[in-house]
Amino acid sequence: MIVTAGGKNVAPAVLEDRLRAHFNVATAELNPSNIWNSATIGVVSVSDSRDYLDGLMKNVERQALKLANNAGAEVVDSWVEFL
């Protein structure tokens, strides 16, 4: 559970569900945190096109920031890694 500055509870699953509904990605909550008001969410997609994945992940990041901001939460960090 993430608690926003305004005291609103936001479950990480809500953000994960919305990202999966809008994009062809898988999500998971990573690194269970000992901090009760934070979460690390991983997003994964597979493609043979790096350009496609780059664009997809940029769109996912924009949407995640928008969803978090609309809920009064904050995205502290994000990064993309290609394997």
PDB file of N, CA and C in Angstrom:
ATOM      1  N   MET A   1       0.841  -1.172   0.000  1.00  0.00           N
ATOM      2  CA  MET A   1       0.000   0.000   0.000  1.00  0.00           C
ATOM      3  C   MET A   1       0.889   1.239   0.000  1.00  0.00           C
ATOM      4  N   ILE A   2       0.591   2.158  -0.862  1.00  0.00           N
ATOM      5  CA  ILE A   2       1.289   3.428  -0.915  1.00  0.00           C
ATOM      6  C   ILE A   2       0.358   4.480  -0.337  1.00  0.00           C
ATOM      7  N   VAL A   3       0.857   5.291   0.574  1.00  0.00           N
ATOM      8  CA  VAL A   3       0.068   6.374   1.151  1.00  0.00           C
ATOM      9  C   VAL A   3       0.598   7.681   0.588  1.00  0.00           C
ATOM     10  N   THR A   4      -0.269   8.443  -0.054  1.00  0.00           N
ATOM     11  CA  THR A   4       0.136   9.702  -0.662  1.00  0.00           C
ATOM     12  C   THR A   4       0.303  10.776   0.397  1.00  0.00           C
ATOM     13  N   ALA A   5       0.849  11.918  -0.019  1.00  0.00           N
ATOM     14  CA  ALA A   5       1.035  13.039   0.904  1.00  0.00           C
ATOM     15  C   ALA A   5      -0.292  13.489   1.496  1.00  0.00           C
ATOM     16  N   GLY A   6      -1.370  13.319   0.740  1.00  0.00           N
ATOM     17  CA  GLY A   6      -2.698  13.705   1.213  1.00  0.00           C
ATOM     18  C   GLY A   6      -3.357  12.642   2.083  1.00  0.00           C
ATOM     19  N   GLY A   7      -2.653  11.524   2.323  1.00  0.00           N
ATOM     20  CA  GLY A   7      -3.196  10.474   3.171  1.00  0.00           C
ATOM     21  C   GLY A   7      -4.029   9.435   2.445  1.00  0.00           C
ATOM     22  N   LYS A   8      -4.095   9.513   1.121  1.00  0.00           N
ATOM     23  CA  LYS A   8      -4.890   8.571   0.342  1.00  0.00           C
ATOM     24  C   LYS A   8      -4.102   7.277   0.146  1.00  0.00           C
ATOM     25  N   ASN A   9      -4.759   6.131   0.331  1.00  0.00           N
ATOM     26  CA  ASN A   9      -4.122   4.831   0.120  1.00  0.00           C
ATOM     27  C   ASN A   9      -4.232   4.430  -1.347  1.00  0.00           C
ATOM     28  N   VAL A  10      -3.110   4.020  -1.933  1.00  0.00           N
ATOM     29  CA  VAL A  10      -3.088   3.571  -3.321  1.00  0.00           C
ATOM     30  C   VAL A  10      -2.385   2.222  -3.348  1.00  0.00           C
ATOM     31  N   ALA A  11      -3.082   1.196  -3.786  1.00  0.00           N
ATOM     32  CA  ALA A  11      -2.473  -0.130  -3.884  1.00  0.00           C
ATOM     33  C   ALA A  11      -1.635  -0.195  -5.151  1.00  0.00           C
ATOM     34  N   PRO A  12      -0.415  -0.743  -5.072  1.00  0.00           N
ATOM     35  CA  PRO A  12       0.409  -0.877  -6.277  1.00  0.00           C
ATOM     36  C   PRO A  12      -0.287  -1.681  -7.373  1.00  0.00           C
ATOM     37  N   ALA A  13      -1.153  -2.606  -6.989  1.00  0.00           N
ATOM     38  CA  ALA A  13      -1.858  -3.435  -7.972  1.00  0.00           C
ATOM     39  C   ALA A  13      -2.713  -2.582  -8.906  1.00  0.00           C
ATOM     40  N   VAL A  14      -3.232  -1.474  -8.428  1.00  0.00           N
ATOM     41  CA  VAL A  14      -4.051  -0.597  -9.278  1.00  0.00           C
ATOM     42  C   VAL A  14      -3.203  -0.046 -10.422  1.00  0.00           C
ATOM     43  N   LEU A  15      -2.009   0.431 -10.107  1.00  0.00           N
ATOM     44  CA  LEU A  15      -1.103   0.943 -11.131  1.00  0.00           C
ATOM     45  C   LEU A  15      -0.703  -0.171 -12.081  1.00  0.00           C
ATOM     46  N   GLU A  16      -0.355  -1.343 -11.542  1.00  0.00           N
ATOM     47  CA  GLU A  16       0.032  -2.473 -12.379  1.00  0.00           C
ATOM     48  C   GLU A  16      -1.096  -2.863 -13.331  1.00  0.00           C
ATOM     49  N   ASP A  17      -2.315  -2.965 -12.823  1.00  0.00           N
ATOM     50  CA  ASP A  17      -3.469  -3.351 -13.650  1.00  0.00           C
ATOM     51  C   ASP A  17      -3.693  -2.366 -14.789  1.00  0.00           C
ATOM     52  N   ARG A  18      -3.579  -1.092 -14.496  1.00  0.00           N
ATOM     53  CA  ARG A  18      -3.807  -0.078 -15.533  1.00  0.00           C
ATOM     54  C   ARG A  18      -2.722  -0.116 -16.601  1.00  0.00           C
ATOM     55  N   LEU A  19      -1.488  -0.350 -16.203  1.00  0.00           N
ATOM     56  CA  LEU A  19      -0.407  -0.446 -17.200  1.00  0.00           C
ATOM     57  C   LEU A  19      -0.594  -1.673 -18.086  1.00  0.00           C
ATOM     58  N   ARG A  20      -0.967  -2.811 -17.487  1.00  0.00           N
ATOM     59  CA  ARG A  20      -1.211  -4.031 -18.278  1.00  0.00           C
ATOM     60  C   ARG A  20      -2.388  -3.855 -19.216  1.00  0.00           C
ATOM     61  N   ALA A  21      -3.397  -3.116 -18.791  1.00  0.00           N
ATOM     62  CA  ALA A  21      -4.592  -2.923 -19.625  1.00  0.00           C
ATOM     63  C   ALA A  21      -4.301  -2.053 -20.848  1.00  0.00           C
ATOM     64  N   HIS A  22      -3.358  -1.119 -20.728  1.00  0.00           N
ATOM     65  CA  HIS A  22      -3.081  -0.187 -21.821  1.00  0.00           C
ATOM     66  C   HIS A  22      -1.922  -0.605 -22.713  1.00  0.00           C
ATOM     67  N   PHE A  23      -1.036  -1.458 -22.218  1.00  0.00           N
ATOM     68  CA  PHE A  23       0.171  -1.816 -22.956  1.00  0.00           C
ATOM     69  C   PHE A  23       0.387  -3.328 -22.908  1.00  0.00           C
ATOM     70  N   ASN A  24       1.115  -3.847 -23.861  1.00  0.00           N
ATOM     71  CA  ASN A  24       1.442  -5.270 -23.907  1.00  0.00           C
ATOM     72  C   ASN A  24       2.671  -5.509 -23.026  1.00  0.00           C
ATOM     73  N   VAL A  25       2.469  -5.455 -21.715  1.00  0.00           N
ATOM     74  CA  VAL A  25       3.556  -5.602 -20.746  1.00  0.00           C
ATOM     75  C   VAL A  25       3.117  -6.517 -19.608  1.00  0.00           C
ATOM     76  N   ALA A  26       4.103  -7.044 -18.910  1.00  0.00           N
ATOM     77  CA  ALA A  26       3.876  -7.761 -17.662  1.00  0.00           C
ATOM     78  C   ALA A  26       4.421  -6.885 -16.536  1.00  0.00           C
ATOM     79  N   THR A  27       3.795  -6.934 -15.384  1.00  0.00           N
ATOM     80  CA  THR A  27       4.240  -6.124 -14.243  1.00  0.00           C
ATOM     81  C   THR A  27       4.351  -6.996 -13.009  1.00  0.00           C
ATOM     82  N   ALA A  28       5.175  -6.549 -12.083  1.00  0.00           N
ATOM     83  CA  ALA A  28       5.315  -7.244 -10.804  1.00  0.00           C
ATOM     84  C   ALA A  28       5.850  -6.268  -9.772  1.00  0.00           C
ATOM     85  N   GLU A  29       5.433  -6.469  -8.539  1.00  0.00           N
ATOM     86  CA  GLU A  29       6.002  -5.682  -7.454  1.00  0.00           C
ATOM     87  C   GLU A  29       7.325  -6.343  -7.051  1.00  0.00           C
ATOM     88  N   LEU A  30       8.395  -5.576  -7.088  1.00  0.00           N
ATOM     89  CA  LEU A  30       9.742  -6.083  -6.822  1.00  0.00           C
ATOM     90  C   LEU A  30      10.252  -5.574  -5.487  1.00  0.00           C
ATOM     91  N   ASN A  31      11.301  -6.204  -4.982  1.00  0.00           N
ATOM     92  CA  ASN A  31      11.978  -5.750  -3.765  1.00  0.00           C
ATOM     93  C   ASN A  31      10.995  -5.361  -2.672  1.00  0.00           C
ATOM     94  N   PRO A  32      10.342  -6.335  -2.069  1.00  0.00           N
ATOM     95  CA  PRO A  32       9.411  -5.980  -0.989  1.00  0.00           C
ATOM     96  C   PRO A  32      10.079  -5.005  -0.024  1.00  0.00           C
ATOM     97  N   SER A  33       9.432  -3.901   0.162  1.00  0.00           N
ATOM     98  CA  SER A  33      10.018  -2.809   0.936  1.00  0.00           C
ATOM     99  C   SER A  33       9.616  -2.890   2.395  1.00  0.00           C
ATOM    100  N   ASN A  34      10.546  -2.559   3.244  1.00  0.00           N
ATOM    101  CA  ASN A  34      10.234  -2.444   4.667  1.00  0.00           C
ATOM    102  C   ASN A  34       9.580  -1.106   4.969  1.00  0.00           C
ATOM    103  N   ILE A  35       9.572  -0.237   3.981  1.00  0.00           N
ATOM    104  CA  ILE A  35       8.934   1.070   4.131  1.00  0.00           C
ATOM    105  C   ILE A  35       7.481   0.899   3.708  1.00  0.00           C
ATOM    106  N   TRP A  36       6.559   1.151   4.581  1.00  0.00           N
ATOM    107  CA  TRP A  36       5.158   0.828   4.348  1.00  0.00           C
ATOM    108  C   TRP A  36       4.486   1.679   3.283  1.00  0.00           C
ATOM    109  N   ASN A  37       5.063   2.800   2.894  1.00  0.00           N
ATOM    110  CA  ASN A  37       4.384   3.658   1.919  1.00  0.00           C
ATOM    111  C   ASN A  37       5.156   3.763   0.608  1.00  0.00           C
ATOM    112  N   SER A  38       5.863   2.708   0.236  1.00  0.00           N
ATOM    113  CA  SER A  38       6.569   2.741  -1.037  1.00  0.00           C
ATOM    114  C   SER A  38       6.494   1.374  -1.705  1.00  0.00           C
ATOM    115  N   ALA A  39       6.716   1.361  -3.007  1.00  0.00           N
ATOM    116  CA  ALA A  39       6.686   0.113  -3.768  1.00  0.00           C
ATOM    117  C   ALA A  39       7.625   0.248  -4.958  1.00  0.00           C
ATOM    118  N   THR A  40       8.210  -0.860  -5.357  1.00  0.00           N
ATOM    119  CA  THR A  40       9.010  -0.925  -6.577  1.00  0.00           C
ATOM    120  C   THR A  40       8.256  -1.817  -7.542  1.00  0.00           C
ATOM    121  N   ILE A  41       7.915  -1.269  -8.701  1.00  0.00           N
ATOM    122  CA  ILE A  41       7.140  -2.015  -9.691  1.00  0.00           C
ATOM    123  C   ILE A  41       7.993  -2.221 -10.928  1.00  0.00           C
ATOM    124  N   GLY A  42       8.136  -3.475 -11.339  1.00  0.00           N
ATOM    125  CA  GLY A  42       8.875  -3.817 -12.545  1.00  0.00           C
ATOM    126  C   GLY A  42       7.925  -4.004 -13.714  1.00  0.00           C
ATOM    127  N   VAL A  43       8.352  -3.569 -14.890  1.00  0.00           N
ATOM    128  CA  VAL A  43       7.558  -3.705 -16.109  1.00  0.00           C
ATOM    129  C   VAL A  43       8.431  -4.394 -17.151  1.00  0.00           C
ATOM    130  N   VAL A  44       7.891  -5.427 -17.802  1.00  0.00           N
ATOM    131  CA  VAL A  44       8.659  -6.212 -18.763  1.00  0.00           C
ATOM    132  C   VAL A  44       7.866  -6.412 -20.041  1.00  0.00           C
ATOM    133  N   SER A  45       8.582  -6.379 -21.163  1.00  0.00           N
ATOM    134  CA  SER A  45       8.001  -6.734 -22.454  1.00  0.00           C
ATOM    135  C   SER A  45       9.085  -7.392 -23.292  1.00  0.00           C
ATOM    136  N   VAL A  46       8.690  -8.214 -24.241  1.00  0.00           N
ATOM    137  CA  VAL A  46       9.630  -8.927 -25.102  1.00  0.00           C
ATOM    138  C   VAL A  46       9.315  -8.600 -26.551  1.00  0.00           C
ATOM    139  N   SER A  47      10.360  -8.298 -27.309  1.00  0.00           N
ATOM    140  CA  SER A  47      10.206  -8.018 -28.734  1.00  0.00           C
ATOM    141  C   SER A  47      11.546  -8.226 -29.417  1.00  0.00           C
ATOM    142  N   ASP A  48      11.514  -8.462 -30.720  1.00  0.00           N
ATOM    143  CA  ASP A  48      12.764  -8.553 -31.471  1.00  0.00           C
ATOM    144  C   ASP A  48      13.199  -7.181 -31.982  1.00  0.00           C
ATOM    145  N   SER A  49      12.426  -6.153 -31.663  1.00  0.00           N
ATOM    146  CA  SER A  49      12.739  -4.791 -32.100  1.00  0.00           C
ATOM    147  C   SER A  49      13.067  -3.907 -30.900  1.00  0.00           C
ATOM    148  N   ARG A  50      14.306  -3.506 -30.803  1.00  0.00           N
ATOM    149  CA  ARG A  50      14.722  -2.619 -29.711  1.00  0.00           C
ATOM    150  C   ARG A  50      14.024  -1.262 -29.817  1.00  0.00           C
ATOM    151  N   ASP A  51      13.838  -0.775 -31.052  1.00  0.00           N
ATOM    152  CA  ASP A  51      13.147   0.508 -31.250  1.00  0.00           C
ATOM    153  C   ASP A  51      11.717   0.452 -30.723  1.00  0.00           C
ATOM    154  N   TYR A  52      11.018  -0.672 -31.002  1.00  0.00           N
ATOM    155  CA  TYR A  52       9.655  -0.837 -30.501  1.00  0.00           C
ATOM    156  C   TYR A  52       9.650  -0.812 -28.975  1.00  0.00           C
ATOM    157  N   LEU A  53      10.569  -1.588 -28.363  1.00  0.00           N
ATOM    158  CA  LEU A  53      10.619  -1.642 -26.898  1.00  0.00           C
ATOM    159  C   LEU A  53      10.966  -0.289 -26.292  1.00  0.00           C
ATOM    160  N   ASP A  54      11.877   0.431 -26.936  1.00  0.00           N
ATOM    161  CA  ASP A  54      12.253   1.756 -26.435  1.00  0.00           C
ATOM    162  C   ASP A  54      11.036   2.678 -26.414  1.00  0.00           C
ATOM    163  N   GLY A  55      10.294   2.708 -27.508  1.00  0.00           N
ATOM    164  CA  GLY A  55       9.087   3.539 -27.569  1.00  0.00           C
ATOM    165  C   GLY A  55       8.027   3.084 -26.586  1.00  0.00           C
ATOM    166  N   LEU A  56       7.848   1.768 -26.484  1.00  0.00           N
ATOM    167  CA  LEU A  56       6.858   1.217 -25.562  1.00  0.00           C
ATOM    168  C   LEU A  56       7.175   1.606 -24.125  1.00  0.00           C
ATOM    169  N   MET A  57       8.426   1.434 -23.723  1.00  0.00           N
ATOM    170  CA  MET A  57       8.794   1.738 -22.341  1.00  0.00           C
ATOM    171  C   MET A  57       8.713   3.230 -22.034  1.00  0.00           C
ATOM    172  N   LYS A  58       8.984   4.066 -23.020  1.00  0.00           N
ATOM    173  CA  LYS A  58       8.803   5.514 -22.814  1.00  0.00           C
ATOM    174  C   LYS A  58       7.336   5.826 -22.575  1.00  0.00           C
ATOM    175  N   ASN A  59       6.453   5.184 -23.341  1.00  0.00           N
ATOM    176  CA  ASN A  59       5.017   5.398 -23.156  1.00  0.00           C
ATOM    177  C   ASN A  59       4.541   4.846 -21.813  1.00  0.00           C
ATOM    178  N   VAL A  60       5.058   3.694 -21.424  1.00  0.00           N
ATOM    179  CA  VAL A  60       4.704   3.113 -20.125  1.00  0.00           C
ATOM    180  C   VAL A  60       5.145   4.052 -19.000  1.00  0.00           C
ATOM    181  N   GLU A  61       6.359   4.569 -19.119  1.00  0.00           N
ATOM    182  CA  GLU A  61       6.860   5.482 -18.089  1.00  0.00           C
ATOM    183  C   GLU A  61       5.997   6.736 -17.988  1.00  0.00           C
ATOM    184  N   ARG A  62       5.640   7.315 -19.129  1.00  0.00           N
ATOM    185  CA  ARG A  62       4.769   8.502 -19.125  1.00  0.00           C
ATOM    186  C   ARG A  62       3.435   8.200 -18.451  1.00  0.00           C
ATOM    187  N   GLN A  63       2.853   7.051 -18.795  1.00  0.00           N
ATOM    188  CA  GLN A  63       1.559   6.679 -18.217  1.00  0.00           C
ATOM    189  C   GLN A  63       1.687   6.418 -16.715  1.00  0.00           C
ATOM    190  N   ALA A  64       2.761   5.762 -16.291  1.00  0.00           N
ATOM    191  CA  ALA A  64       2.961   5.495 -14.862  1.00  0.00           C
ATOM    192  C   ALA A  64       3.094   6.808 -14.091  1.00  0.00           C
ATOM    193  N   LEU A  65       3.850   7.757 -14.643  1.00  0.00           N
ATOM    194  CA  LEU A  65       3.989   9.067 -13.996  1.00  0.00           C
ATOM    195  C   LEU A  65       2.637   9.765 -13.889  1.00  0.00           C
ATOM    196  N   LYS A  66       1.865   9.697 -14.965  1.00  0.00           N
ATOM    197  CA  LYS A  66       0.543  10.335 -14.978  1.00  0.00           C
ATOM    198  C   LYS A  66      -0.383   9.693 -13.940  1.00  0.00           C
ATOM    199  N   LEU A  67      -0.416   8.354 -13.917  1.00  0.00           N
ATOM    200  CA  LEU A  67      -1.276   7.662 -12.953  1.00  0.00           C
ATOM    201  C   LEU A  67      -0.857   7.961 -11.512  1.00  0.00           C
ATOM    202  N   ALA A  68       0.440   7.953 -11.261  1.00  0.00           N
ATOM    203  CA  ALA A  68       0.930   8.244  -9.910  1.00  0.00           C
ATOM    204  C   ALA A  68       0.584   9.679  -9.512  1.00  0.00           C
ATOM    205  N   ASN A  69       0.832  10.619 -10.402  1.00  0.00           N
ATOM    206  CA  ASN A  69       0.527  12.020 -10.096  1.00  0.00           C
ATOM    207  C   ASN A  69      -0.952  12.228  -9.853  1.00  0.00           C
ATOM    208  N   ASN A  70      -1.794  11.586 -10.662  1.00  0.00           N
ATOM    209  CA  ASN A  70      -3.241  11.722 -10.483  1.00  0.00           C
ATOM    210  C   ASN A  70      -3.704  11.159  -9.139  1.00  0.00           C
ATOM    211  N   ALA A  71      -2.954  10.169  -8.631  1.00  0.00           N
ATOM    212  CA  ALA A  71      -3.301   9.575  -7.333  1.00  0.00           C
ATOM    213  C   ALA A  71      -2.641  10.321  -6.182  1.00  0.00           C
ATOM    214  N   GLY A  72      -1.818  11.317  -6.498  1.00  0.00           N
ATOM    215  CA  GLY A  72      -1.127  12.065  -5.452  1.00  0.00           C
ATOM    216  C   GLY A  72       0.137  11.375  -4.973  1.00  0.00           C
ATOM    217  N   ALA A  73       0.606  10.378  -5.722  1.00  0.00           N
ATOM    218  CA  ALA A  73       1.835   9.669  -5.366  1.00  0.00           C
ATOM    219  C   ALA A  73       2.988  10.231  -6.196  1.00  0.00           C
ATOM    220  N   GLU A  74       4.195   9.768  -5.912  1.00  0.00           N
ATOM    221  CA  GLU A  74       5.373  10.282  -6.588  1.00  0.00           C
ATOM    222  C   GLU A  74       6.221   9.125  -7.101  1.00  0.00           C
ATOM    223  N   VAL A  75       6.686   9.239  -8.336  1.00  0.00           N
ATOM    224  CA  VAL A  75       7.656   8.292  -8.879  1.00  0.00           C
ATOM    225  C   VAL A  75       9.029   8.882  -8.582  1.00  0.00           C
ATOM    226  N   VAL A  76       9.804   8.175  -7.789  1.00  0.00           N
ATOM    227  CA  VAL A  76      11.090   8.688  -7.350  1.00  0.00           C
ATOM    228  C   VAL A  76      12.184   8.402  -8.369  1.00  0.00           C
ATOM    229  N   ASP A  77      12.113   7.259  -9.047  1.00  0.00           N
ATOM    230  CA  ASP A  77      13.162   6.878  -9.984  1.00  0.00           C
ATOM    231  C   ASP A  77      12.590   5.930 -11.027  1.00  0.00           C
ATOM    232  N   SER A  78      13.173   5.939 -12.212  1.00  0.00           N
ATOM    233  CA  SER A  78      12.812   4.962 -13.237  1.00  0.00           C
ATOM    234  C   SER A  78      13.996   4.782 -14.166  1.00  0.00           C
ATOM    235  N   TRP A  79      14.095   3.608 -14.765  1.00  0.00           N
ATOM    236  CA  TRP A  79      15.155   3.337 -15.725  1.00  0.00           C
ATOM    237  C   TRP A  79      14.715   2.203 -16.633  1.00  0.00           C
ATOM    238  N   VAL A  80      15.375   2.108 -17.783  1.00  0.00           N
ATOM    239  CA  VAL A  80      15.109   1.059 -18.764  1.00  0.00           C
ATOM    240  C   VAL A  80      16.393   0.290 -18.969  1.00  0.00           C
ATOM    241  N   GLU A  81      16.279  -1.020 -19.032  1.00  0.00           N
ATOM    242  CA  GLU A  81      17.438  -1.860 -19.285  1.00  0.00           C
ATOM    243  C   GLU A  81      17.065  -2.854 -20.370  1.00  0.00           C
ATOM    244  N   PHE A  82      17.907  -2.983 -21.381  1.00  0.00           N
ATOM    245  CA  PHE A  82      17.686  -3.927 -22.462  1.00  0.00           C
ATOM    246  C   PHE A  82      18.623  -5.109 -22.283  1.00  0.00           C
ATOM    247  N   LEU A  83      18.076  -6.319 -22.392  1.00  0.00           N
ATOM    248  CA  LEU A  83      18.905  -7.531 -22.290  1.00  0.00           C
ATOM    249  C   LEU A  83      18.859  -8.296 -23.584  1.00  0.00           C
TER     250      LEU A  83
END
